[in-house]
Amino acid sequence: MDIGIATRHTGLTTFNGQARFTLYLRFEKFSHRDGQHRYLVLSLTQTLFGDWCVVQASGPIGQPGGQERRNYCSSLNEAQDLFENTRDRQVKRGFVPIPVQMGLF
């Protein structure tokens, strides 16, 4: 089974009566040899103006600091390709997807 399919949260949420598509993934990387304990969160959402945004937030676990990168795309297919390429690149770097249970409301 593909790791991305097993842990990817895909859902339709409604906002003002319109369906909105969202993707959300959380990764963690532990390297005891290098002393690295890092997290990475990828999300794909639609903006208020109808564009698509891939947000990548990362930083050390349990310490201050971190960064956030936003990439805006004009179409859903372009945003999904960017999301999947980023996911694959991070898995190759040693990040492991962590299952996250999303709230019901």
C-alpha atoms as a PDB file:
ATOM      1  CA  MET A   1       0.000   0.000   0.000  1.00  0.00           C
ATOM      2  CA  ASP A   2       1.262   3.466  -0.832  1.00  0.00           C
ATOM      3  CA  ILE A   3       2.190   5.465   2.288  1.00  0.00           C
ATOM      4  CA  GLY A   4       0.742   8.645   0.818  1.00  0.00           C
ATOM      5  CA  ILE A   5      -2.632   7.048   0.193  1.00  0.00           C
ATOM      6  CA  ALA A   6      -2.721   5.420   3.635  1.00  0.00           C
ATOM      7  CA  THR A   7      -2.123   8.594   5.643  1.00  0.00           C
ATOM      8  CA  ARG A   8      -3.462  11.399   3.477  1.00  0.00           C
ATOM      9  CA  HIS A   9      -6.478  13.196   4.865  1.00  0.00           C
ATOM     10  CA  THR A  10      -8.707  14.046   1.957  1.00  0.00           C
ATOM     11  CA  GLY A  11     -12.005  15.634   2.621  1.00  0.00           C
ATOM     12  CA  LEU A  12     -14.723  17.864   1.397  1.00  0.00           C
ATOM     13  CA  THR A  13     -15.766  20.579   3.779  1.00  0.00           C
ATOM     14  CA  THR A  14     -18.483  23.131   3.236  1.00  0.00           C
ATOM     15  CA  PHE A  15     -18.127  26.870   3.546  1.00  0.00           C
ATOM     16  CA  ASN A  16     -21.108  29.137   2.856  1.00  0.00           C
ATOM     17  CA  GLY A  17     -22.909  26.261   1.150  1.00  0.00           C
ATOM     18  CA  GLN A  18     -20.047  25.498  -1.266  1.00  0.00           C
ATOM     19  CA  ALA A  19     -17.938  22.343  -1.105  1.00  0.00           C
ATOM     20  CA  ARG A  20     -14.221  22.914  -0.478  1.00  0.00           C
ATOM     21  CA  PHE A  21     -11.498  20.355  -1.114  1.00  0.00           C
ATOM     22  CA  THR A  22      -8.634  20.051   1.409  1.00  0.00           C
ATOM     23  CA  LEU A  23      -5.564  17.827   1.838  1.00  0.00           C
ATOM     24  CA  TYR A  24      -3.539  17.664   5.041  1.00  0.00           C
ATOM     25  CA  LEU A  25      -0.387  15.660   5.873  1.00  0.00           C
ATOM     26  CA  ARG A  26       1.949  15.722   8.885  1.00  0.00           C
ATOM     27  CA  PHE A  27       5.485  14.324   8.810  1.00  0.00           C
ATOM     28  CA  GLU A  28       8.144  13.833  11.477  1.00  0.00           C
ATOM     29  CA  LYS A  29      11.840  13.064  11.232  1.00  0.00           C
ATOM     30  CA  PHE A  30      13.937  11.691  14.090  1.00  0.00           C
ATOM     31  CA  SER A  31      17.688  11.266  13.668  1.00  0.00           C
ATOM     32  CA  HIS A  32      19.297  10.426  16.998  1.00  0.00           C
ATOM     33  CA  ARG A  33      22.754  10.346  15.414  1.00  0.00           C
ATOM     34  CA  ASP A  34      22.447  13.920  14.115  1.00  0.00           C
ATOM     35  CA  GLY A  35      20.225  15.157  16.959  1.00  0.00           C
ATOM     36  CA  GLN A  36      17.425  16.142  14.570  1.00  0.00           C
ATOM     37  CA  HIS A  37      13.794  16.090  15.679  1.00  0.00           C
ATOM     38  CA  ARG A  38      11.764  17.923  13.062  1.00  0.00           C
ATOM     39  CA  TYR A  39       8.164  18.210  11.890  1.00  0.00           C
ATOM     40  CA  LEU A  40       6.668  19.130   8.536  1.00  0.00           C
ATOM     41  CA  VAL A  41       3.031  19.904   7.739  1.00  0.00           C
ATOM     42  CA  LEU A  42       1.735  20.005   4.169  1.00  0.00           C
ATOM     43  CA  SER A  43      -1.728  21.276   3.367  1.00  0.00           C
ATOM     44  CA  LEU A  44      -3.608  22.054   0.186  1.00  0.00           C
ATOM     45  CA  THR A  45      -6.571  24.417   0.424  1.00  0.00           C
ATOM     46  CA  GLN A  46      -8.529  26.773  -1.738  1.00  0.00           C
ATOM     47  CA  THR A  47      -8.150  30.490  -1.088  1.00  0.00           C
ATOM     48  CA  LEU A  48     -10.981  32.935  -0.663  1.00  0.00           C
ATOM     49  CA  PHE A  49     -10.502  34.124  -4.253  1.00  0.00           C
ATOM     50  CA  GLY A  50     -10.639  30.638  -5.812  1.00  0.00           C
ATOM     51  CA  ASP A  51      -6.904  29.991  -6.253  1.00  0.00           C
ATOM     52  CA  TRP A  52      -5.221  26.978  -4.666  1.00  0.00           C
ATOM     53  CA  CYS A  53      -2.527  27.206  -1.987  1.00  0.00           C
ATOM     54  CA  VAL A  54       0.030  24.575  -0.938  1.00  0.00           C
ATOM     55  CA  VAL A  55       1.348  25.440   2.531  1.00  0.00           C
ATOM     56  CA  GLN A  56       4.525  23.838   3.867  1.00  0.00           C
ATOM     57  CA  ALA A  57       5.317  24.535   7.542  1.00  0.00           C
ATOM     58  CA  SER A  58       8.384  23.002   9.181  1.00  0.00           C
ATOM     59  CA  GLY A  59      10.648  23.375  12.172  1.00  0.00           C
ATOM     60  CA  PRO A  60      12.231  21.672  15.146  1.00  0.00           C
ATOM     61  CA  ILE A  61      10.016  19.700  17.525  1.00  0.00           C
ATOM     62  CA  GLY A  62       9.857  21.158  21.027  1.00  0.00           C
ATOM     63  CA  GLN A  63      11.901  24.260  20.236  1.00  0.00           C
ATOM     64  CA  PRO A  64      11.002  27.744  19.047  1.00  0.00           C
ATOM     65  CA  GLY A  65      11.480  28.613  15.429  1.00  0.00           C
ATOM     66  CA  GLY A  66      10.318  27.257  12.157  1.00  0.00           C
ATOM     67  CA  GLN A  67       9.235  28.490   8.792  1.00  0.00           C
ATOM     68  CA  GLU A  68       6.239  28.496   6.505  1.00  0.00           C
ATOM     69  CA  ARG A  69       6.199  28.526   2.738  1.00  0.00           C
ATOM     70  CA  ARG A  70       3.109  29.199   0.620  1.00  0.00           C
ATOM     71  CA  ASN A  71       2.820  28.388  -3.075  1.00  0.00           C
ATOM     72  CA  TYR A  72      -0.215  29.629  -4.982  1.00  0.00           C
ATOM     73  CA  CYS A  73      -1.529  27.795  -8.052  1.00  0.00           C
ATOM     74  CA  SER A  74      -4.299  28.713 -10.453  1.00  0.00           C
ATOM     75  CA  SER A  75      -5.680  25.189 -10.944  1.00  0.00           C
ATOM     76  CA  LEU A  76      -6.360  22.211  -8.692  1.00  0.00           C
ATOM     77  CA  ASN A  77      -4.338  19.828 -10.894  1.00  0.00           C
ATOM     78  CA  GLU A  78      -1.264  22.055 -10.704  1.00  0.00           C
ATOM     79  CA  ALA A  79      -1.622  22.330  -6.917  1.00  0.00           C
ATOM     80  CA  GLN A  80      -2.068  18.557  -6.503  1.00  0.00           C
ATOM     81  CA  ASP A  81       1.058  17.896  -8.590  1.00  0.00           C
ATOM     82  CA  LEU A  82       3.047  20.330  -6.446  1.00  0.00           C
ATOM     83  CA  PHE A  83       1.642  18.746  -3.255  1.00  0.00           C
ATOM     84  CA  GLU A  84       2.533  15.204  -4.385  1.00  0.00           C
ATOM     85  CA  ASN A  85       6.025  16.196  -5.585  1.00  0.00           C
ATOM     86  CA  THR A  86       6.736  17.906  -2.263  1.00  0.00           C
ATOM     87  CA  ARG A  87       5.411  14.882  -0.353  1.00  0.00           C
ATOM     88  CA  ASP A  88       7.601  12.475  -2.339  1.00  0.00           C
ATOM     89  CA  ARG A  89      10.682  14.684  -1.936  1.00  0.00           C
ATOM     90  CA  GLN A  90      10.235  14.882   1.854  1.00  0.00           C
ATOM     91  CA  VAL A  91       9.750  11.106   2.172  1.00  0.00           C
ATOM     92  CA  LYS A  92      13.036  10.618   0.295  1.00  0.00           C
ATOM     93  CA  ARG A  93      14.700  13.004   2.793  1.00  0.00           C
ATOM     94  CA  GLY A  94      13.655  10.745   5.695  1.00  0.00           C
ATOM     95  CA  PHE A  95      10.372  12.262   6.869  1.00  0.00           C
ATOM     96  CA  VAL A  96       7.703   9.744   7.898  1.00  0.00           C
ATOM     97  CA  PRO A  97       3.954  10.463   7.510  1.00  0.00           C
ATOM     98  CA  ILE A  98       2.136  10.572  10.852  1.00  0.00           C
ATOM     99  CA  PRO A  99      -1.607   9.768  10.891  1.00  0.00           C
ATOM    100  CA  VAL A 100      -3.595  12.756  12.115  1.00  0.00           C
ATOM    101  CA  GLN A 101      -7.235  12.564  13.094  1.00  0.00           C
ATOM    102  CA  MET A 102      -9.096  15.635  11.938  1.00  0.00           C
ATOM    103  CA  GLY A 103     -11.951  17.110  13.942  1.00  0.00           C
ATOM    104  CA  LEU A 104     -15.501  16.527  12.840  1.00  0.00           C
ATOM    105  CA  PHE A 105     -16.489  20.200  12.894  1.00  0.00           C
END
